[in-house]
Amino acid sequence: MLTKTHLFLLLLHLICPLFLLLIHNILVLKPHSLFRFEESISYRLMQTSSFHNHSWVHVGSGWLGELQTHRWNSSSNTIIYLYPWSRGNFSNKELMDVERLFQLYFNEHQDFYISQLMFKGEFPFISCLGFKQVAIQGHDFMSFQNETFLPSPKGGEKAQKACKLLNFNEAYTQRLHRLLSDTCPRFTLGLLDAGKAHLQQQVKPEAWLSSGPSPGPGHKLLVCHVSGFYPKPVWVMWVRGEQEQQGIQRGDILPNGDGTWYLQATLDVAAGEAAGLACRVKHSSLGGQDLVLHWGGKIEIFDGLLVKSLALPGDFMHS
């Protein structure tokens, strides 16, 4: 139950100058020219706080798409910059000011709260869409966009009252809007410039095929593993000739420990129908060529150049 005291503390938290942290949490990544996997780019500041037995636990992180760029050290109350370019082009003094505001934020934080800040914009940042979302105990409570706090339908009367109070403070809403529409985009461009070598890197995938657990009598599970690629967008499917097969199961794209990604795609087929099937991989690092692994051993590049021919009874691999 959200009491009046909780609501007051929430509003106190929202009104405090902590939102200056927004200048620290924007990045724009140019979409890949080869594939249109993403039409817009997002940077999210994720923060979760929980309270139990008079003790707070705060977890904070900043993410450029799927790449974590910042983390909050709750022990030392400091921002951890995961890459040298995560500092953008801000001076040490500016970054220290941001860190002090973050410390103030957590010191005054008083309720179960998840805060997500997201920015989306078309490169080269001709326009910017910024908004803040607030949830309490897992339920949407309110959002901020276009100089206005809006209550969530699930927030009920309390969310409406909170938004009314916050919107009454025009100086605050205008300040927050400037941060979202002006300060944040400028900082984003600095981050983009500082981190462009990392953000534009291309790492080719390695791929291999294997048999999975038998799905049933007379059937075989074909597994195509694709690993070590960057950036994240990838296209993997089982084909026979040029025809994509039905029933392909793709897992989640999972992170490797080195910042690259892993994906597997499986296909359940009758044991006698595996011959002639192949796994095809598209990735921006391959320069417009498809990597094709044939069940049974042959590996080739889609432009027709035979790279290697294998006839292994078990798993086979290419990188």
Protein backbone atom coordinates (compact mmCIF):
# COMPACT_ATOMS: atom_id res chain seq x y z
CA MET A 1 0.00 0.00 0.00
CA LEU A 2 1.40 3.39 -1.00
CA THR A 3 0.78 5.64 2.01
CA LYS A 4 0.72 9.45 2.09
CA THR A 5 4.15 9.34 3.68
CA HIS A 6 5.48 7.16 0.87
CA LEU A 7 3.95 9.50 -1.71
CA PHE A 8 5.51 12.52 -0.05
CA LEU A 9 8.91 10.84 -0.01
CA LEU A 10 8.53 9.84 -3.63
CA LEU A 11 7.73 13.42 -4.61
CA LEU A 12 10.65 14.70 -2.54
CA HIS A 13 12.87 12.26 -4.40
CA LEU A 14 11.53 13.33 -7.80
CA ILE A 15 11.89 17.03 -7.13
CA CYS A 16 15.48 16.85 -5.87
CA PRO A 17 18.24 18.01 -8.32
CA LEU A 18 19.26 14.43 -8.98
CA PHE A 19 18.00 14.60 -12.53
CA LEU A 20 21.23 16.37 -13.44
CA LEU A 21 22.51 12.81 -13.72
CA LEU A 22 20.74 12.67 -17.03
CA ILE A 23 23.63 14.51 -18.62
CA HIS A 24 25.73 11.45 -17.91
CA ASN A 25 23.55 8.88 -19.60
CA ILE A 26 23.09 9.36 -23.34
CA LEU A 27 24.74 7.74 -26.32
CA VAL A 28 23.88 7.52 -30.00
CA LEU A 29 25.06 4.59 -32.08
CA LYS A 30 24.91 4.75 -35.85
CA PRO A 31 22.74 1.93 -37.25
CA HIS A 32 24.58 -0.60 -39.39
CA SER A 33 24.49 0.22 -43.07
CA LEU A 34 24.32 -3.43 -44.15
CA PHE A 35 21.20 -4.43 -42.22
CA ARG A 36 18.39 -2.30 -40.78
CA PHE A 37 18.17 -4.12 -37.46
CA GLU A 38 17.53 -0.94 -35.49
CA GLU A 39 15.75 2.19 -36.66
CA SER A 40 16.61 4.10 -33.48
CA ILE A 41 19.12 3.94 -30.67
CA SER A 42 18.45 3.95 -26.95
CA TYR A 43 20.45 4.66 -23.83
CA ARG A 44 18.91 3.55 -20.55
CA LEU A 45 19.73 4.40 -16.99
CA MET A 46 18.42 1.51 -14.91
CA GLN A 47 18.16 1.88 -11.15
CA THR A 48 16.60 -0.48 -8.63
CA SER A 49 16.37 0.24 -4.92
CA SER A 50 14.97 -2.02 -2.22
CA PHE A 51 14.40 -1.52 1.48
CA HIS A 52 14.41 -4.27 4.10
CA ASN A 53 14.90 -4.09 7.87
CA HIS A 54 15.85 -0.39 7.75
CA SER A 55 18.58 -1.05 5.18
CA TRP A 56 18.72 0.16 1.57
CA VAL A 57 20.26 -1.62 -1.40
CA HIS A 58 20.79 0.40 -4.59
CA VAL A 59 21.75 -1.10 -7.95
CA GLY A 60 22.41 1.27 -10.84
CA SER A 61 23.70 0.81 -14.38
CA GLY A 62 23.81 2.61 -17.72
CA TRP A 63 23.28 0.80 -21.02
CA LEU A 64 23.84 1.76 -24.64
CA GLY A 65 21.51 -0.68 -26.31
CA GLU A 66 22.86 -3.97 -24.97
CA LEU A 67 26.27 -2.56 -24.02
CA GLN A 68 26.72 -1.60 -20.37
CA THR A 69 28.80 1.56 -20.15
CA HIS A 70 28.35 2.69 -16.53
CA ARG A 71 27.79 1.14 -13.12
CA TRP A 72 27.11 2.57 -9.68
CA ASN A 73 29.38 1.34 -6.87
CA SER A 74 27.07 1.27 -3.86
CA SER A 75 29.97 0.60 -1.46
CA SER A 76 31.99 3.70 -2.35
CA ASN A 77 29.05 5.71 -3.75
CA THR A 78 30.88 6.41 -6.98
CA ILE A 79 30.24 6.04 -10.70
CA ILE A 80 32.26 3.32 -12.41
CA TYR A 81 33.12 4.13 -16.02
CA LEU A 82 33.39 0.78 -17.76
CA TYR A 83 35.26 2.21 -20.76
CA PRO A 84 37.66 5.15 -21.01
CA TRP A 85 35.27 6.80 -23.46
CA SER A 86 32.34 6.48 -21.02
CA ARG A 87 33.41 9.88 -19.67
CA GLY A 88 32.63 11.49 -23.01
CA ASN A 89 34.08 14.99 -23.31
CA PHE A 90 32.97 16.21 -19.87
CA SER A 91 35.63 17.66 -17.60
CA ASN A 92 36.59 15.96 -14.35
CA LYS A 93 34.82 18.72 -12.44
CA GLU A 94 31.60 18.18 -14.37
CA LEU A 95 31.76 14.44 -13.76
CA MET A 96 32.42 14.97 -10.06
CA ASP A 97 29.41 17.27 -9.86
CA VAL A 98 27.28 14.56 -11.44
CA GLU A 99 28.64 11.99 -9.00
CA ARG A 100 27.82 14.20 -6.01
CA LEU A 101 24.27 14.57 -7.27
CA PHE A 102 24.02 10.81 -7.57
CA GLN A 103 25.20 10.45 -3.98
CA LEU A 104 22.56 12.94 -2.84
CA TYR A 105 19.98 11.03 -4.81
CA PHE A 106 20.62 7.71 -3.10
CA ASN A 107 20.91 9.29 0.33
CA GLU A 108 17.41 10.75 0.00
CA HIS A 109 15.88 7.75 -1.73
CA GLN A 110 13.04 6.29 0.38
CA ASP A 111 10.86 3.67 -1.32
CA PHE A 112 10.91 0.57 -3.49
CA TYR A 113 11.53 2.19 -6.82
CA ILE A 114 12.62 1.33 -10.34
CA SER A 115 13.60 4.27 -12.54
CA GLN A 116 14.31 3.96 -16.24
CA LEU A 117 15.46 6.80 -18.42
CA MET A 118 15.45 6.17 -22.15
CA PHE A 119 16.39 8.29 -25.12
CA LYS A 120 15.71 7.41 -28.72
CA GLY A 121 16.68 9.36 -31.82
CA GLU A 122 17.51 8.94 -35.46
CA PHE A 123 21.22 9.34 -36.21
CA PRO A 124 22.66 11.94 -36.68
CA PHE A 125 20.48 13.15 -33.86
CA ILE A 126 18.23 15.43 -35.87
CA SER A 127 15.53 14.85 -33.29
CA CYS A 128 15.47 13.56 -29.73
CA LEU A 129 12.73 11.81 -27.81
CA GLY A 130 13.36 11.69 -24.08
CA PHE A 131 11.17 10.51 -21.27
CA LYS A 132 11.32 9.29 -17.72
CA GLN A 133 9.33 6.36 -16.39
CA VAL A 134 8.64 5.64 -12.74
CA ALA A 135 7.41 2.38 -11.24
CA ILE A 136 6.71 1.47 -7.63
CA GLN A 137 6.81 -2.15 -6.48
CA GLY A 138 6.73 -3.34 -10.07
CA HIS A 139 3.78 -1.21 -11.23
CA ASP A 140 3.90 1.77 -13.59
CA PHE A 141 3.28 4.98 -11.67
CA MET A 142 4.07 7.99 -13.86
CA SER A 143 6.13 9.24 -16.78
CA PHE A 144 7.58 12.56 -17.95
CA GLN A 145 7.55 13.76 -21.54
CA ASN A 146 7.23 17.11 -23.32
CA GLU A 147 7.49 19.17 -20.11
CA THR A 148 4.64 17.25 -18.48
CA PHE A 149 4.33 14.45 -15.93
CA LEU A 150 1.64 11.97 -16.93
CA PRO A 151 0.02 9.47 -14.54
CA SER A 152 -0.06 5.81 -15.45
CA PRO A 153 -3.56 4.29 -15.64
CA LYS A 154 -2.36 1.74 -13.09
CA GLY A 155 -1.12 4.49 -10.77
CA GLY A 156 -4.64 5.46 -9.80
CA GLU A 157 -5.53 8.57 -7.84
CA LYS A 158 -2.14 8.76 -6.15
CA ALA A 159 -0.34 9.02 -9.48
CA GLN A 160 -2.74 11.74 -10.62
CA LYS A 161 -2.10 13.76 -7.47
CA ALA A 162 1.65 13.29 -7.78
CA CYS A 163 1.66 14.48 -11.39
CA LYS A 164 -0.53 17.46 -10.54
CA LEU A 165 1.91 18.53 -7.84
CA LEU A 166 4.97 18.07 -10.03
CA ASN A 167 3.44 19.84 -13.03
CA PHE A 168 2.61 22.79 -10.79
CA ASN A 169 6.36 23.42 -10.44
CA GLU A 170 6.95 24.86 -13.92
CA ALA A 171 10.55 25.80 -13.18
CA TYR A 172 11.32 22.17 -12.39
CA THR A 173 9.55 20.70 -15.43
CA GLN A 174 11.23 23.21 -17.74
CA ARG A 175 14.60 22.38 -16.22
CA LEU A 176 14.05 18.67 -16.69
CA HIS A 177 12.88 19.25 -20.25
CA ARG A 178 16.07 21.20 -21.03
CA LEU A 179 18.14 18.34 -19.67
CA LEU A 180 16.31 15.86 -21.88
CA SER A 181 16.24 17.95 -25.04
CA ASP A 182 19.50 19.93 -24.86
CA THR A 183 22.10 18.87 -22.28
CA CYS A 184 21.67 15.15 -22.84
CA PRO A 185 21.95 15.22 -26.64
CA ARG A 186 25.12 17.35 -26.42
CA PHE A 187 26.68 14.92 -23.99
CA THR A 188 25.62 12.04 -26.21
CA LEU A 189 27.49 13.44 -29.17
CA GLY A 190 30.61 13.70 -26.99
CA LEU A 191 30.25 10.07 -25.95
CA LEU A 192 29.69 8.99 -29.52
CA ASP A 193 32.85 10.75 -30.65
CA ALA A 194 34.91 9.42 -27.74
CA GLY A 195 33.71 5.84 -28.16
CA LYS A 196 33.38 5.57 -31.93
CA ALA A 197 36.35 3.21 -32.30
CA HIS A 198 34.72 0.76 -29.89
CA LEU A 199 31.16 1.25 -31.11
CA GLN A 200 32.06 0.74 -34.76
CA GLN A 201 34.25 -2.33 -34.28
CA GLN A 202 33.35 -5.48 -36.20
CA VAL A 203 34.16 -8.95 -34.87
CA LYS A 204 33.50 -11.91 -37.15
CA PRO A 205 31.51 -14.85 -35.78
CA GLU A 206 32.75 -18.39 -35.44
CA ALA A 207 30.16 -21.07 -36.15
CA TRP A 208 29.85 -24.81 -35.68
CA LEU A 209 27.21 -27.51 -35.97
CA SER A 210 26.33 -30.30 -33.56
CA SER A 211 23.60 -32.80 -32.74
CA GLY A 212 21.39 -31.98 -29.79
CA PRO A 213 19.41 -34.35 -27.53
CA SER A 214 17.19 -36.64 -29.57
CA PRO A 215 13.72 -35.09 -29.87
CA GLY A 216 12.16 -38.52 -30.41
CA PRO A 217 12.40 -41.83 -32.27
CA GLY A 218 13.57 -41.40 -35.84
CA HIS A 219 14.32 -37.69 -35.38
CA LYS A 220 17.48 -35.65 -35.02
CA LEU A 221 18.03 -32.22 -33.49
CA LEU A 222 20.43 -30.12 -35.55
CA VAL A 223 22.13 -27.30 -33.66
CA CYS A 224 23.90 -24.33 -35.26
CA HIS A 225 26.11 -22.40 -32.83
CA VAL A 226 27.25 -18.86 -33.68
CA SER A 227 29.59 -17.15 -31.23
CA GLY A 228 32.10 -14.35 -30.77
CA PHE A 229 30.39 -11.78 -33.00
CA TYR A 230 30.00 -8.04 -32.50
CA PRO A 231 27.84 -6.02 -32.87
CA LYS A 232 24.83 -7.93 -31.63
CA PRO A 233 22.48 -8.01 -34.67
CA VAL A 234 22.83 -11.33 -36.48
CA TRP A 235 20.73 -13.46 -38.85
CA VAL A 236 20.91 -17.27 -38.48
CA MET A 237 18.70 -19.86 -40.14
CA TRP A 238 18.57 -23.42 -41.43
CA VAL A 239 18.12 -23.72 -45.19
CA ARG A 240 17.89 -26.34 -47.89
CA GLY A 241 19.34 -24.69 -50.94
CA GLU A 242 17.79 -21.22 -50.88
CA GLN A 243 14.67 -22.28 -48.96
CA GLU A 244 14.41 -21.38 -45.29
CA GLN A 245 13.14 -24.30 -43.24
CA GLN A 246 10.08 -24.19 -41.04
CA GLY A 247 10.25 -24.93 -37.33
CA ILE A 248 13.57 -23.22 -36.57
CA GLN A 249 13.97 -22.48 -32.87
CA ARG A 250 16.30 -19.61 -31.99
CA GLY A 251 17.49 -18.98 -28.46
CA ASP A 252 18.17 -15.60 -26.93
CA ILE A 253 21.30 -13.79 -28.05
CA LEU A 254 23.50 -14.18 -24.98
CA PRO A 255 26.58 -12.19 -23.93
CA ASN A 256 30.03 -13.73 -23.84
CA GLY A 257 32.46 -12.59 -21.18
CA ASP A 258 34.52 -10.58 -23.69
CA GLY A 259 31.68 -8.34 -24.87
CA THR A 260 30.80 -10.45 -27.92
CA TRP A 261 27.61 -12.47 -28.41
CA TYR A 262 26.40 -16.05 -28.81
CA LEU A 263 23.30 -17.53 -30.48
CA GLN A 264 22.13 -21.00 -31.37
CA ALA A 265 19.43 -22.08 -33.80
CA THR A 266 18.00 -25.61 -33.74
CA LEU A 267 15.94 -27.66 -36.17
CA ASP A 268 14.08 -30.91 -35.49
CA VAL A 269 14.18 -33.13 -38.59
CA ALA A 270 13.58 -36.74 -39.51
CA ALA A 271 16.89 -38.58 -39.35
CA GLY A 272 16.89 -39.28 -43.08
CA GLU A 273 16.23 -35.66 -44.03
CA ALA A 274 19.32 -34.04 -42.47
CA ALA A 275 21.41 -34.45 -45.62
CA GLY A 276 21.35 -31.32 -47.75
CA LEU A 277 20.55 -28.95 -44.89
CA ALA A 278 22.82 -26.03 -44.04
CA CYS A 279 23.05 -23.25 -41.50
CA ARG A 280 23.41 -19.77 -43.00
CA VAL A 281 24.79 -16.84 -41.02
CA LYS A 282 24.62 -13.15 -41.94
CA HIS A 283 26.53 -10.55 -39.94
CA SER A 284 27.78 -7.05 -40.68
CA SER A 285 31.40 -8.14 -40.05
CA LEU A 286 31.27 -10.57 -42.99
CA GLY A 287 31.29 -7.80 -45.58
CA GLY A 288 28.08 -8.77 -47.35
CA GLN A 289 28.97 -12.46 -47.64
CA ASP A 290 27.02 -15.24 -45.94
CA LEU A 291 28.74 -17.95 -43.92
CA VAL A 292 27.19 -21.31 -44.82
CA LEU A 293 27.82 -24.54 -42.87
CA HIS A 294 26.50 -27.70 -44.52
CA TRP A 295 25.38 -30.59 -42.36
CA GLY A 296 27.99 -33.24 -43.01
CA GLY A 297 31.04 -31.03 -43.11
CA LYS A 298 31.33 -28.58 -46.01
CA ILE A 299 31.82 -24.93 -45.09
CA GLU A 300 31.68 -22.16 -47.67
CA ILE A 301 31.22 -18.47 -48.21
CA PHE A 302 27.98 -17.70 -50.00
CA ASP A 303 29.71 -15.98 -52.93
CA GLY A 304 30.74 -19.48 -54.08
CA LEU A 305 34.35 -19.57 -52.91
CA LEU A 306 34.93 -22.92 -51.21
CA VAL A 307 36.91 -22.29 -48.05
CA LYS A 308 37.18 -25.71 -46.47
CA SER A 309 35.77 -29.17 -46.87
CA LEU A 310 35.34 -31.44 -43.86
CA ALA A 311 33.92 -34.89 -43.31
CA LEU A 312 33.84 -35.18 -39.55
CA PRO A 313 31.58 -37.62 -37.69
CA GLY A 314 31.01 -35.16 -34.81
CA ASP A 315 30.85 -31.41 -34.41
CA PHE A 316 32.40 -29.16 -37.03
CA MET A 317 33.37 -25.57 -36.78
CA HIS A 318 34.43 -22.47 -38.73
CA SER A 319 35.63 -19.05 -37.66
